[in-house]
C-alpha atoms as a PDB file:
ATOM      1  CA  MET A   1       1.422  15.034 -23.024  1.00  0.00           C
ATOM      2  CA  ILE A   2       1.261  11.325 -22.216  1.00  0.00           C
ATOM      3  CA  ASP A   3       4.676   9.714 -21.731  1.00  0.00           C
ATOM      4  CA  ASN A   4       3.646   6.548 -19.898  1.00  0.00           C
ATOM      5  CA  ILE A   5       0.889   4.021 -20.588  1.00  0.00           C
ATOM      6  CA  ILE A   6      -0.101   1.392 -18.024  1.00  0.00           C
ATOM      7  CA  PHE A   7      -1.992  -1.716 -19.113  1.00  0.00           C
ATOM      8  CA  ASP A   8      -4.028  -4.056 -16.973  1.00  0.00           C
ATOM      9  CA  ILE A   9      -3.803  -7.701 -18.144  1.00  0.00           C
ATOM     10  CA  GLY A  10      -7.047  -9.552 -17.404  1.00  0.00           C
ATOM     11  CA  ARG A  11      -9.862  -8.611 -19.808  1.00  0.00           C
ATOM     12  CA  VAL A  12      -7.632  -5.945 -21.355  1.00  0.00           C
ATOM     13  CA  LEU A  13      -4.724  -7.806 -22.961  1.00  0.00           C
ATOM     14  CA  PHE A  14      -6.158 -11.286 -22.339  1.00  0.00           C
ATOM     15  CA  ASP A  15      -9.768 -12.339 -22.003  1.00  0.00           C
ATOM     16  CA  TYR A  16     -10.879 -14.393 -19.049  1.00  0.00           C
ATOM     17  CA  HIS A  17     -13.868 -16.731 -18.803  1.00  0.00           C
ATOM     18  CA  PRO A  18     -13.559 -19.000 -15.738  1.00  0.00           C
ATOM     19  CA  HIS A  19     -16.020 -21.626 -16.950  1.00  0.00           C
ATOM     20  CA  ASP A  20     -14.173 -22.000 -20.256  1.00  0.00           C
ATOM     21  CA  VAL A  21     -10.807 -22.157 -18.469  1.00  0.00           C
ATOM     22  CA  VAL A  22     -11.932 -24.960 -16.170  1.00  0.00           C
ATOM     23  CA  ALA A  23     -13.710 -26.879 -18.918  1.00  0.00           C
ATOM     24  CA  GLN A  24     -10.617 -26.813 -21.123  1.00  0.00           C
ATOM     25  CA  LEU A  25      -8.197 -27.739 -18.348  1.00  0.00           C
ATOM     26  CA  LEU A  26     -10.374 -30.493 -16.896  1.00  0.00           C
ATOM     27  CA  PRO A  27     -12.057 -31.929 -20.003  1.00  0.00           C
ATOM     28  CA  ASN A  28     -12.849 -35.253 -18.343  1.00  0.00           C
ATOM     29  CA  ASP A  29     -14.268 -33.783 -15.152  1.00  0.00           C
ATOM     30  CA  THR A  30     -18.035 -33.325 -14.834  1.00  0.00           C
ATOM     31  CA  ASN A  31     -17.802 -30.877 -11.919  1.00  0.00           C
ATOM     32  CA  THR A  32     -16.865 -27.718 -13.804  1.00  0.00           C
ATOM     33  CA  ASP A  33     -19.425 -25.676 -11.879  1.00  0.00           C
ATOM     34  CA  PHE A  34     -17.905 -26.782  -8.566  1.00  0.00           C
ATOM     35  CA  TYR A  35     -14.487 -25.397  -9.488  1.00  0.00           C
ATOM     36  CA  VAL A  36     -15.933 -22.183 -10.897  1.00  0.00           C
ATOM     37  CA  THR A  37     -18.130 -21.562  -7.852  1.00  0.00           C
ATOM     38  CA  TYR A  38     -15.783 -22.567  -5.060  1.00  0.00           C
ATOM     39  CA  PHE A  39     -12.477 -21.549  -6.609  1.00  0.00           C
ATOM     40  CA  HIS A  40     -12.630 -18.980  -9.409  1.00  0.00           C
ATOM     41  CA  ASP A  41     -15.659 -17.100  -8.041  1.00  0.00           C
ATOM     42  CA  ASN A  42     -14.573 -17.504  -4.433  1.00  0.00           C
ATOM     43  CA  ASP A  43     -12.415 -15.346  -2.163  1.00  0.00           C
ATOM     44  CA  ILE A  44      -9.770 -18.074  -2.510  1.00  0.00           C
ATOM     45  CA  TRP A  45      -8.919 -16.796  -5.993  1.00  0.00           C
ATOM     46  CA  GLN A  46      -8.606 -13.268  -4.625  1.00  0.00           C
ATOM     47  CA  GLU A  47      -6.306 -14.494  -1.872  1.00  0.00           C
ATOM     48  CA  LEU A  48      -4.048 -16.059  -4.497  1.00  0.00           C
ATOM     49  CA  ASP A  49      -4.019 -12.772  -6.410  1.00  0.00           C
ATOM     50  CA  HIS A  50      -3.215 -10.996  -3.156  1.00  0.00           C
ATOM     51  CA  GLY A  51      -0.346 -13.380  -2.479  1.00  0.00           C
ATOM     52  CA  THR A  52      -1.627 -14.234   0.980  1.00  0.00           C
ATOM     53  CA  ILE A  53      -1.998 -18.013   0.441  1.00  0.00           C
ATOM     54  CA  THR A  54      -0.039 -20.658  -1.444  1.00  0.00           C
ATOM     55  CA  ALA A  55      -1.392 -22.825  -4.216  1.00  0.00           C
ATOM     56  CA  LEU A  56      -1.529 -25.829  -1.902  1.00  0.00           C
ATOM     57  CA  GLU A  57      -3.367 -23.831   0.759  1.00  0.00           C
ATOM     58  CA  ALA A  58      -5.859 -22.764  -1.883  1.00  0.00           C
ATOM     59  CA  ALA A  59      -6.417 -26.369  -2.924  1.00  0.00           C
ATOM     60  CA  GLU A  60      -6.995 -27.386   0.690  1.00  0.00           C
ATOM     61  CA  LYS A  61      -9.508 -24.569   1.158  1.00  0.00           C
ATOM     62  CA  VAL A  62     -11.496 -25.657  -1.894  1.00  0.00           C
ATOM     63  CA  CYS A  63     -11.686 -29.180  -0.478  1.00  0.00           C
ATOM     64  CA  GLN A  64     -13.597 -27.811   2.503  1.00  0.00           C
ATOM     65  CA  TYR A  65     -16.570 -27.226   0.200  1.00  0.00           C
ATOM     66  CA  GLN A  66     -16.751 -30.924  -0.689  1.00  0.00           C
ATOM     67  CA  PRO A  67     -17.959 -33.140   2.190  1.00  0.00           C
ATOM     68  CA  ASN A  68     -16.891 -36.330   0.411  1.00  0.00           C
ATOM     69  CA  THR A  69     -13.309 -36.596   1.634  1.00  0.00           C
ATOM     70  CA  GLN A  70     -12.549 -39.380  -0.829  1.00  0.00           C
ATOM     71  CA  THR A  71     -12.621 -36.797  -3.620  1.00  0.00           C
ATOM     72  CA  HIS A  72     -10.166 -34.432  -1.877  1.00  0.00           C
ATOM     73  CA  PRO A  73      -6.987 -35.816  -3.501  1.00  0.00           C
ATOM     74  CA  THR A  74      -8.536 -35.346  -6.946  1.00  0.00           C
ATOM     75  CA  ILE A  75      -9.739 -31.857  -6.088  1.00  0.00           C
ATOM     76  CA  LYS A  76      -6.285 -30.832  -4.863  1.00  0.00           C
ATOM     77  CA  LYS A  77      -4.670 -32.219  -8.000  1.00  0.00           C
ATOM     78  CA  ASN A  78      -7.169 -30.389 -10.224  1.00  0.00           C
ATOM     79  CA  ILE A  79      -6.801 -27.087  -8.381  1.00  0.00           C
ATOM     80  CA  LEU A  80      -3.025 -27.187  -8.693  1.00  0.00           C
ATOM     81  CA  HIS A  81      -3.408 -28.067 -12.381  1.00  0.00           C
ATOM     82  CA  ILE A  82      -5.677 -25.054 -12.911  1.00  0.00           C
ATOM     83  CA  ILE A  83      -3.290 -22.717 -11.102  1.00  0.00           C
ATOM     84  CA  ASN A  84      -0.276 -23.936 -13.046  1.00  0.00           C
ATOM     85  CA  HIS A  85      -1.920 -23.889 -16.474  1.00  0.00           C
ATOM     86  CA  PHE A  86      -4.761 -21.368 -16.576  1.00  0.00           C
ATOM     87  CA  HIS A  87      -2.472 -18.838 -18.252  1.00  0.00           C
ATOM     88  CA  LEU A  88      -2.542 -21.030 -21.363  1.00  0.00           C
ATOM     89  CA  LYS A  89      -6.323 -20.706 -21.632  1.00  0.00           C
ATOM     90  CA  LEU A  90      -6.579 -16.917 -21.586  1.00  0.00           C
ATOM     91  CA  PRO A  91      -7.516 -15.818 -25.114  1.00  0.00           C
ATOM     92  CA  PRO A  92      -5.285 -12.957 -26.300  1.00  0.00           C
ATOM     93  CA  ILE A  93      -7.199  -9.787 -27.142  1.00  0.00           C
ATOM     94  CA  THR A  94      -5.331  -9.184 -30.367  1.00  0.00           C
ATOM     95  CA  PRO A  95      -6.388  -5.576 -31.139  1.00  0.00           C
ATOM     96  CA  ILE A  96      -5.276  -4.352 -27.701  1.00  0.00           C
ATOM     97  CA  ILE A  97      -2.083  -6.393 -27.853  1.00  0.00           C
ATOM     98  CA  ASN A  98      -1.380  -4.756 -31.214  1.00  0.00           C
ATOM     99  CA  LEU A  99      -2.005  -1.365 -29.582  1.00  0.00           C
ATOM    100  CA  TYR A 100       0.415  -2.313 -26.799  1.00  0.00           C
ATOM    101  CA  LYS A 101       3.098  -3.253 -29.334  1.00  0.00           C
ATOM    102  CA  GLN A 102       2.514  -0.079 -31.305  1.00  0.00           C
ATOM    103  CA  VAL A 103       2.810   2.315 -28.352  1.00  0.00           C
ATOM    104  CA  LEU A 104       5.922   0.459 -27.169  1.00  0.00           C
ATOM    105  CA  LYS A 105       7.686   2.219 -30.033  1.00  0.00           C
ATOM    106  CA  SER A 106       6.931   5.683 -28.701  1.00  0.00           C
ATOM    107  CA  HIS A 107       6.021   5.477 -25.003  1.00  0.00           C
ATOM    108  CA  ASN A 108       7.100   3.932 -21.725  1.00  0.00           C
ATOM    109  CA  ILE A 109       4.841   0.935 -21.098  1.00  0.00           C
ATOM    110  CA  TYR A 110       4.007  -0.633 -17.734  1.00  0.00           C
ATOM    111  CA  LEU A 111       1.809  -3.423 -16.432  1.00  0.00           C
ATOM    112  CA  LEU A 112      -0.342  -3.109 -13.319  1.00  0.00           C
ATOM    113  CA  THR A 113      -2.263  -6.273 -12.625  1.00  0.00           C
ATOM    114  CA  ASN A 114      -4.014  -8.300  -9.966  1.00  0.00           C
ATOM    115  CA  PHE A 115      -2.374 -11.613 -10.793  1.00  0.00           C
ATOM    116  CA  GLN A 116      -0.855 -14.603  -9.060  1.00  0.00           C
ATOM    117  CA  ASP A 117       2.924 -14.771  -8.709  1.00  0.00           C
ATOM    118  CA  LYS A 118       4.109 -17.855 -10.605  1.00  0.00           C
ATOM    119  CA  PRO A 119       1.212 -17.779 -13.106  1.00  0.00           C
ATOM    120  CA  PHE A 120       2.255 -14.247 -14.071  1.00  0.00           C
ATOM    121  CA  ASP A 121       5.793 -15.463 -14.737  1.00  0.00           C
ATOM    122  CA  ASN A 122       4.350 -18.356 -16.751  1.00  0.00           C
ATOM    123  CA  LEU A 123       2.221 -15.944 -18.784  1.00  0.00           C
ATOM    124  CA  CYS A 124       5.292 -13.827 -19.560  1.00  0.00           C
ATOM    125  CA  GLN A 125       7.152 -16.927 -20.681  1.00  0.00           C
ATOM    126  CA  ALA A 126       4.285 -17.916 -22.960  1.00  0.00           C
ATOM    127  CA  TYR A 127       3.886 -14.365 -24.310  1.00  0.00           C
ATOM    128  CA  PRO A 128       7.311 -12.671 -24.345  1.00  0.00           C
ATOM    129  CA  PHE A 129       5.880  -9.346 -25.531  1.00  0.00           C
ATOM    130  CA  LEU A 130       4.863  -8.753 -21.910  1.00  0.00           C
ATOM    131  CA  THR A 131       8.513  -8.661 -20.873  1.00  0.00           C
ATOM    132  CA  GLN A 132       9.104  -5.763 -23.266  1.00  0.00           C
ATOM    133  CA  ALA A 133       7.285  -3.457 -20.860  1.00  0.00           C
ATOM    134  CA  ASN A 134       9.456  -0.994 -18.968  1.00  0.00           C
ATOM    135  CA  GLY A 135       8.159  -2.389 -15.703  1.00  0.00           C
ATOM    136  CA  ALA A 136       5.414  -4.384 -14.028  1.00  0.00           C
ATOM    137  CA  ILE A 137       3.638  -4.347 -10.697  1.00  0.00           C
ATOM    138  CA  VAL A 138       1.961  -7.666  -9.871  1.00  0.00           C
ATOM    139  CA  SER A 139      -0.376  -7.858  -6.883  1.00  0.00           C
ATOM    140  CA  ALA A 140       0.755 -11.240  -5.552  1.00  0.00           C
ATOM    141  CA  LYS A 141       4.393 -10.204  -5.663  1.00  0.00           C
ATOM    142  CA  GLU A 142       3.669  -6.979  -3.761  1.00  0.00           C
ATOM    143  CA  LYS A 143       0.958  -8.322  -1.400  1.00  0.00           C
ATOM    144  CA  CYS A 144      -1.271  -5.447  -2.462  1.00  0.00           C
ATOM    145  CA  MET A 145      -4.164  -5.296  -4.935  1.00  0.00           C
ATOM    146  CA  LYS A 146      -6.058  -2.792  -7.024  1.00  0.00           C
ATOM    147  CA  PRO A 147      -7.968  -0.683  -6.214  1.00  0.00           C
ATOM    148  CA  ASP A 148      -5.837  -0.057  -3.103  1.00  0.00           C
ATOM    149  CA  PRO A 149      -4.105   3.299  -3.737  1.00  0.00           C
ATOM    150  CA  GLN A 150      -0.851   1.889  -2.347  1.00  0.00           C
ATOM    151  CA  ILE A 151      -0.218  -0.334  -5.360  1.00  0.00           C
ATOM    152  CA  TYR A 152      -0.570   2.655  -7.689  1.00  0.00           C
ATOM    153  CA  LYS A 153       1.722   4.747  -5.509  1.00  0.00           C
ATOM    154  CA  LEU A 154       4.234   1.904  -5.576  1.00  0.00           C
ATOM    155  CA  LEU A 155       4.243   1.898  -9.369  1.00  0.00           C
ATOM    156  CA  LEU A 156       4.639   5.672  -9.566  1.00  0.00           C
ATOM    157  CA  LYS A 157       7.485   5.664  -7.037  1.00  0.00           C
ATOM    158  CA  ARG A 158       9.340   2.608  -8.333  1.00  0.00           C
ATOM    159  CA  TYR A 159       9.430   3.842 -11.905  1.00  0.00           C
ATOM    160  CA  GLN A 160       9.482   7.571 -11.091  1.00  0.00           C
ATOM    161  CA  LEU A 161       6.389   8.342 -13.141  1.00  0.00           C
ATOM    162  CA  ASN A 162       4.664  11.689 -13.307  1.00  0.00           C
ATOM    163  CA  PRO A 163       0.946  10.876 -12.878  1.00  0.00           C
ATOM    164  CA  LYS A 164      -0.019  13.851 -15.021  1.00  0.00           C
ATOM    165  CA  LYS A 165       1.859  12.254 -17.919  1.00  0.00           C
ATOM    166  CA  THR A 166       0.558   8.760 -17.300  1.00  0.00           C
ATOM    167  CA  LEU A 167      -2.434   6.894 -18.748  1.00  0.00           C
ATOM    168  CA  PHE A 168      -3.956   3.738 -17.241  1.00  0.00           C
ATOM    169  CA  ILE A 169      -6.163   1.230 -19.089  1.00  0.00           C
ATOM    170  CA  ASP A 170      -8.267  -1.150 -16.982  1.00  0.00           C
ATOM    171  CA  ASP A 171     -11.621  -2.912 -17.383  1.00  0.00           C
ATOM    172  CA  LYS A 172     -12.920  -2.048 -13.895  1.00  0.00           C
ATOM    173  CA  ALA A 173     -14.343   1.371 -13.059  1.00  0.00           C
ATOM    174  CA  GLU A 174     -13.185   1.202  -9.432  1.00  0.00           C
ATOM    175  CA  ASN A 175      -9.587   0.637 -10.540  1.00  0.00           C
ATOM    176  CA  ILE A 176      -9.732   3.620 -12.867  1.00  0.00           C
ATOM    177  CA  ALA A 177     -11.324   5.749 -10.136  1.00  0.00           C
ATOM    178  CA  THR A 178      -8.358   5.141  -7.823  1.00  0.00           C
ATOM    179  CA  ALA A 179      -5.913   5.988 -10.592  1.00  0.00           C
ATOM    180  CA  GLN A 180      -7.734   9.237 -11.319  1.00  0.00           C
ATOM    181  CA  SER A 181      -7.769  10.141  -7.613  1.00  0.00           C
ATOM    182  CA  LEU A 182      -3.964  10.089  -7.804  1.00  0.00           C
ATOM    183  CA  GLY A 183      -3.844  12.293 -10.886  1.00  0.00           C
ATOM    184  CA  ILE A 184      -3.413   9.474 -13.428  1.00  0.00           C
ATOM    185  CA  TYR A 185      -5.491   9.616 -16.594  1.00  0.00           C
ATOM    186  CA  GLY A 186      -7.759   6.607 -16.947  1.00  0.00           C
ATOM    187  CA  ILE A 187      -9.621   4.690 -19.626  1.00  0.00           C
ATOM    188  CA  ILE A 188     -12.205   2.052 -18.752  1.00  0.00           C
ATOM    189  CA  HIS A 189     -11.768  -0.678 -21.338  1.00  0.00           C
ATOM    190  CA  ARG A 190     -15.213  -1.524 -22.693  1.00  0.00           C
ATOM    191  CA  THR A 191     -14.632  -2.262 -26.368  1.00  0.00           C
ATOM    192  CA  ASN A 192     -11.473  -2.644 -28.420  1.00  0.00           C
ATOM    193  CA  LYS A 193     -12.546   0.052 -30.853  1.00  0.00           C
ATOM    194  CA  GLU A 194     -13.325   2.606 -28.156  1.00  0.00           C
ATOM    195  CA  THR A 195     -10.081   1.971 -26.259  1.00  0.00           C
ATOM    196  CA  ILE A 196      -7.900   2.160 -29.362  1.00  0.00           C
ATOM    197  CA  GLU A 197      -9.561   5.369 -30.544  1.00  0.00           C
ATOM    198  CA  THR A 198      -9.308   6.998 -27.109  1.00  0.00           C
ATOM    199  CA  VAL A 199      -5.662   6.039 -26.573  1.00  0.00           C
ATOM    200  CA  THR A 200      -4.725   7.189 -30.067  1.00  0.00           C
ATOM    201  CA  LYS A 201      -6.413  10.535 -29.494  1.00  0.00           C
ATOM    202  CA  MET A 202      -4.825  11.091 -26.095  1.00  0.00           C
ATOM    203  CA  ILE A 203      -1.260  10.279 -27.123  1.00  0.00           C
ATOM    204  CA  THR A 204      -1.440  12.520 -30.185  1.00  0.00           C
ATOM    205  CA  LEU A 205      -2.763  15.589 -28.381  1.00  0.00           C
END
């Protein structure tokens, strides 16, 4: 029997398209590809998720990819703007959010996400349903990221979860593989229909 359901956030509860995020946040900037390539698709973004650098340090690192130092103040300003506001440009995946709200009525719900510290808090403020979860483990707050087994073990220990009664939904196969190695049931989120049908079947067994 499944008592606990863990949701990832990015590309499970909220969609995420870096190019669209940058284009919407910097509508008057013609260098969208620069920010996508050297920030979103760069290790710098992962370091922010890991909680190992600050927003300002990230902005300074991105500047290193632009030899024209006169543009550095603008780049720093834009990077900080993206970090502080990207949560507003993540399209909600309504069917999975509806699933989340439905299972809240009958199961313990948790969040396990690779996400930046303050942006996660901002996302929760913008979408209060996230705060209805019984608990959350956020990579930047813990200085540990999926698929490292330690972040899963932290969740299980902190909330005293039995892995054999726990289901995890994530869009990445490697994240699900780690969960399964620890005895947690896993669903790779591919389509809304498939995920909803699979979750419904598992929690009614």
